[in-house]
Amino acid sequence: MEPLVHVTGRGVPLDRPNVDTDQIIPAAWLKKTTRTGYADGLFEQWRQDPDFVLNRPERAGATVLVSGPNFGCGSSREHAPWALHEWGFRAVIAPGFADIFRNNMPNAGLVPVLCEPAVVAAVMAAVTADAAAEIRIDVAGLTVTCEAAGVRAAPFRLDDEARDRLVSGLTQLEMTLRSADRIAAYEAVRAPWLDVTA
């Protein structure tokens, strides 16, 4: 996974609350166990509308999705953040995320940027008005900037463990494997029947 210390790019406004994982990637796409092959299914139903924001040529290549509250609600499929990442997004700015979705995002290489509603509203208005408006996210410093919105170094919430994984470019499994020696030492003392070297 690529380290994400900063994310800089244009935004896509998706001004809808309660965007659920079945809208992000419909259940018909959940037949694979790989992390790729989902971009074509991203917002599949909504993209049938020619006016849907992701169909607009000026939004091509944008790396930040700006959404309403409770983004990623519904079932806990990991395929939803995988689809967003494969499309090219590296961050989602919202005033609220479903817990499981928010926890799945860093493993897919996505930054969940949980901001105050007023900050999200200002950024949403700016990227709606100007498809070229740039957003800068400092993952290590936990701030978001969008000059077009008058937002400068606004703080966002992200737990330390998720931030460290994103900045290091490590999944949860890779972070765990960094402690393999400590885990083995613990198991040798506390649970010797778990000896995997035999």
Protein backbone atom coordinates (compact mmCIF):
# COMPACT_ATOMS: atom_id res chain seq x y z
CA MET A 1 0.00 0.00 0.00
CA GLU A 2 1.30 3.46 -0.83
CA PRO A 3 2.07 5.75 2.12
CA LEU A 4 -0.38 8.66 2.38
CA VAL A 5 1.30 11.53 4.18
CA HIS A 6 -0.52 14.15 2.10
CA VAL A 7 -3.42 13.95 -0.35
CA THR A 8 -3.75 16.83 -2.79
CA GLY A 9 -6.30 16.94 -5.56
CA ARG A 10 -9.64 18.06 -6.86
CA GLY A 11 -12.89 17.18 -5.14
CA VAL A 12 -16.12 15.51 -6.23
CA PRO A 13 -19.27 16.71 -4.44
CA LEU A 14 -21.71 13.96 -3.47
CA ASP A 15 -24.12 15.99 -1.40
CA ARG A 16 -26.22 13.11 -0.10
CA PRO A 17 -26.66 11.75 3.43
CA ASN A 18 -26.62 8.05 4.31
CA VAL A 19 -24.76 6.81 1.22
CA ASP A 20 -24.75 3.09 1.93
CA THR A 21 -22.34 0.41 0.80
CA ASP A 22 -24.88 -1.11 -1.58
CA GLN A 23 -24.99 2.23 -3.40
CA ILE A 24 -21.20 2.46 -3.38
CA ILE A 25 -20.75 -1.09 -4.77
CA PRO A 26 -23.88 -3.19 -5.42
CA ALA A 27 -24.05 -6.74 -4.05
CA ALA A 28 -23.80 -8.22 -7.56
CA TRP A 29 -20.13 -7.17 -7.58
CA LEU A 30 -19.23 -9.12 -4.44
CA LYS A 31 -18.22 -12.35 -6.14
CA LYS A 32 -14.45 -11.91 -5.93
CA THR A 33 -11.99 -11.96 -3.08
CA THR A 34 -9.39 -9.77 -4.78
CA ARG A 35 -9.04 -6.05 -4.11
CA THR A 36 -9.37 -5.07 -7.76
CA GLY A 37 -12.03 -5.19 -10.44
CA TYR A 38 -14.62 -3.00 -8.70
CA ALA A 39 -14.20 0.44 -10.27
CA ASP A 40 -16.80 -0.26 -12.96
CA GLY A 41 -19.32 -1.06 -10.23
CA LEU A 42 -18.71 2.10 -8.20
CA PHE A 43 -22.06 3.88 -7.79
CA GLU A 44 -23.26 1.70 -10.67
CA GLN A 45 -26.96 2.55 -10.37
CA TRP A 46 -26.39 6.28 -9.98
CA ARG A 47 -23.90 6.35 -12.87
CA GLN A 48 -26.69 5.24 -15.23
CA ASP A 49 -27.84 8.87 -15.00
CA PRO A 50 -25.71 10.84 -17.50
CA ASP A 51 -25.82 13.86 -15.17
CA PHE A 52 -24.41 11.98 -12.17
CA VAL A 53 -21.34 13.82 -10.91
CA LEU A 54 -18.85 11.02 -11.67
CA ASN A 55 -19.97 11.00 -15.31
CA ARG A 56 -18.95 14.61 -15.85
CA PRO A 57 -15.64 14.99 -17.72
CA GLU A 58 -14.46 17.85 -15.50
CA ARG A 59 -14.54 15.47 -12.52
CA ALA A 60 -12.23 12.87 -14.09
CA GLY A 61 -9.08 12.29 -12.07
CA ALA A 62 -10.41 13.83 -8.85
CA THR A 63 -8.94 12.21 -5.75
CA VAL A 64 -11.18 13.49 -2.93
CA LEU A 65 -14.87 12.66 -2.50
CA VAL A 66 -16.88 15.12 -0.40
CA SER A 67 -20.08 13.62 1.00
CA GLY A 68 -22.88 14.08 3.47
CA PRO A 69 -23.25 12.49 6.91
CA ASN A 70 -23.22 8.77 7.68
CA PHE A 71 -21.20 7.85 4.59
CA GLY A 72 -20.65 4.09 4.19
CA CYS A 73 -23.62 2.92 6.24
CA GLY A 74 -25.21 -0.44 5.56
CA SER A 75 -23.44 -3.77 5.27
CA SER A 76 -19.77 -4.01 6.22
CA ARG A 77 -18.36 -5.03 2.82
CA GLU A 78 -14.69 -4.17 2.28
CA HIS A 79 -15.41 -4.01 -1.44
CA ALA A 80 -16.84 -0.49 -1.04
CA PRO A 81 -13.57 1.19 -0.03
CA TRP A 82 -11.72 -1.00 -2.56
CA ALA A 83 -14.00 0.34 -5.33
CA LEU A 84 -13.46 3.96 -4.25
CA HIS A 85 -9.69 3.44 -4.18
CA GLU A 86 -9.61 1.71 -7.55
CA TRP A 87 -11.61 4.58 -9.08
CA GLY A 88 -8.83 6.92 -7.94
CA PHE A 89 -10.07 8.40 -4.68
CA ARG A 90 -7.58 8.69 -1.85
CA ALA A 91 -9.79 10.44 0.72
CA VAL A 92 -13.42 10.98 1.63
CA ILE A 93 -14.43 14.12 3.52
CA ALA A 94 -17.67 13.83 5.47
CA PRO A 95 -19.24 15.02 8.73
CA GLY A 96 -19.81 11.39 9.71
CA PHE A 97 -18.99 7.83 8.67
CA ALA A 98 -20.45 4.46 9.56
CA ASP A 99 -18.00 2.92 12.05
CA ILE A 100 -17.15 -0.28 10.17
CA PHE A 101 -16.73 1.55 6.87
CA ARG A 102 -14.48 4.15 8.51
CA ASN A 103 -12.35 1.37 9.99
CA ASN A 104 -12.10 -0.41 6.61
CA MET A 105 -10.97 2.70 4.73
CA PRO A 106 -7.30 2.85 5.85
CA ASN A 107 -6.78 -0.81 4.85
CA ALA A 108 -7.87 0.17 1.33
CA GLY A 109 -5.55 3.19 1.20
CA LEU A 110 -8.31 5.75 1.84
CA VAL A 111 -8.24 8.56 4.39
CA PRO A 112 -11.50 9.04 6.30
CA VAL A 113 -11.53 12.83 6.85
CA LEU A 114 -14.08 13.36 9.62
CA CYS A 115 -14.68 17.13 9.80
CA GLU A 116 -17.08 19.48 11.47
CA PRO A 117 -20.29 19.94 9.42
CA ALA A 118 -19.52 23.61 8.72
CA VAL A 119 -16.14 22.71 7.22
CA VAL A 120 -17.68 19.98 5.05
CA ALA A 121 -20.42 22.38 3.91
CA ALA A 122 -17.86 25.02 2.90
CA VAL A 123 -15.72 22.51 0.98
CA MET A 124 -18.84 21.00 -0.63
CA ALA A 125 -19.95 24.42 -1.84
CA ALA A 126 -16.49 25.24 -3.21
CA VAL A 127 -16.02 22.00 -5.17
CA THR A 128 -19.60 22.17 -6.45
CA ALA A 129 -19.00 25.68 -7.80
CA ASP A 130 -15.52 24.98 -9.20
CA ALA A 131 -14.41 21.54 -10.42
CA ALA A 132 -10.79 22.79 -10.34
CA ALA A 133 -10.89 23.70 -6.63
CA GLU A 134 -7.98 22.00 -4.89
CA ILE A 135 -8.12 20.22 -1.55
CA ARG A 136 -5.00 19.49 0.52
CA ILE A 137 -5.13 16.92 3.28
CA ASP A 138 -2.24 16.64 5.72
CA VAL A 139 -2.70 13.11 7.03
CA ALA A 140 0.17 13.29 9.51
CA GLY A 141 -0.96 16.69 10.82
CA LEU A 142 -4.71 15.89 10.65
CA THR A 143 -5.70 19.05 8.79
CA VAL A 144 -7.60 19.84 5.60
CA THR A 145 -7.21 22.96 3.48
CA CYS A 146 -9.35 24.22 0.60
CA GLU A 147 -8.48 27.81 -0.27
CA ALA A 148 -11.52 28.14 -2.55
CA ALA A 149 -13.71 27.38 0.47
CA GLY A 150 -11.82 29.65 2.84
CA VAL A 151 -10.80 26.56 4.81
CA ARG A 152 -7.22 26.66 6.06
CA ALA A 153 -5.74 23.86 8.17
CA ALA A 154 -9.10 22.81 9.59
CA PRO A 155 -8.63 19.86 11.96
CA PHE A 156 -10.14 16.48 11.30
CA ARG A 157 -10.49 13.42 13.52
CA LEU A 158 -8.65 10.17 12.87
CA ASP A 159 -7.42 7.72 15.48
CA ASP A 160 -3.65 7.48 15.94
CA GLU A 161 -3.41 3.85 14.82
CA ALA A 162 -5.19 4.52 11.52
CA ARG A 163 -3.12 7.65 10.91
CA ASP A 164 0.12 5.74 11.55
CA ARG A 165 -0.92 2.96 9.16
CA LEU A 166 -1.82 5.42 6.39
CA VAL A 167 1.38 7.45 6.78
CA SER A 168 3.47 4.24 6.86
CA GLY A 169 1.54 2.62 4.01
CA LEU A 170 0.76 -0.48 6.07
CA THR A 171 -2.41 -2.54 6.42
CA GLN A 172 -3.60 -3.82 9.80
CA LEU A 173 -2.07 -7.21 9.01
CA GLU A 174 1.27 -5.67 8.07
CA MET A 175 1.25 -3.64 11.30
CA THR A 176 0.58 -6.83 13.26
CA LEU A 177 3.38 -8.68 11.48
CA ARG A 178 5.83 -5.97 12.59
CA SER A 179 5.26 -7.33 16.11
CA ALA A 180 5.68 -11.00 15.17
CA ASP A 181 8.64 -11.48 17.53
CA ARG A 182 6.75 -9.99 20.48
CA ILE A 183 3.68 -12.11 19.67
CA ALA A 184 5.78 -15.28 19.46
CA ALA A 185 7.48 -14.48 22.79
CA TYR A 186 4.10 -13.92 24.44
CA GLU A 187 2.69 -17.15 23.01
CA ALA A 188 5.73 -19.14 24.17
CA VAL A 189 5.09 -18.06 27.77
CA ARG A 190 1.32 -17.73 27.93
CA ALA A 191 0.15 -20.32 25.38
CA PRO A 192 2.88 -22.86 24.63
CA TRP A 193 0.34 -25.17 22.94
CA LEU A 194 0.23 -22.59 20.09
CA ASP A 195 3.78 -23.43 19.01
CA VAL A 196 3.67 -23.15 15.22
CA THR A 197 7.30 -24.17 14.73
CA ALA A 198 6.54 -27.84 15.45
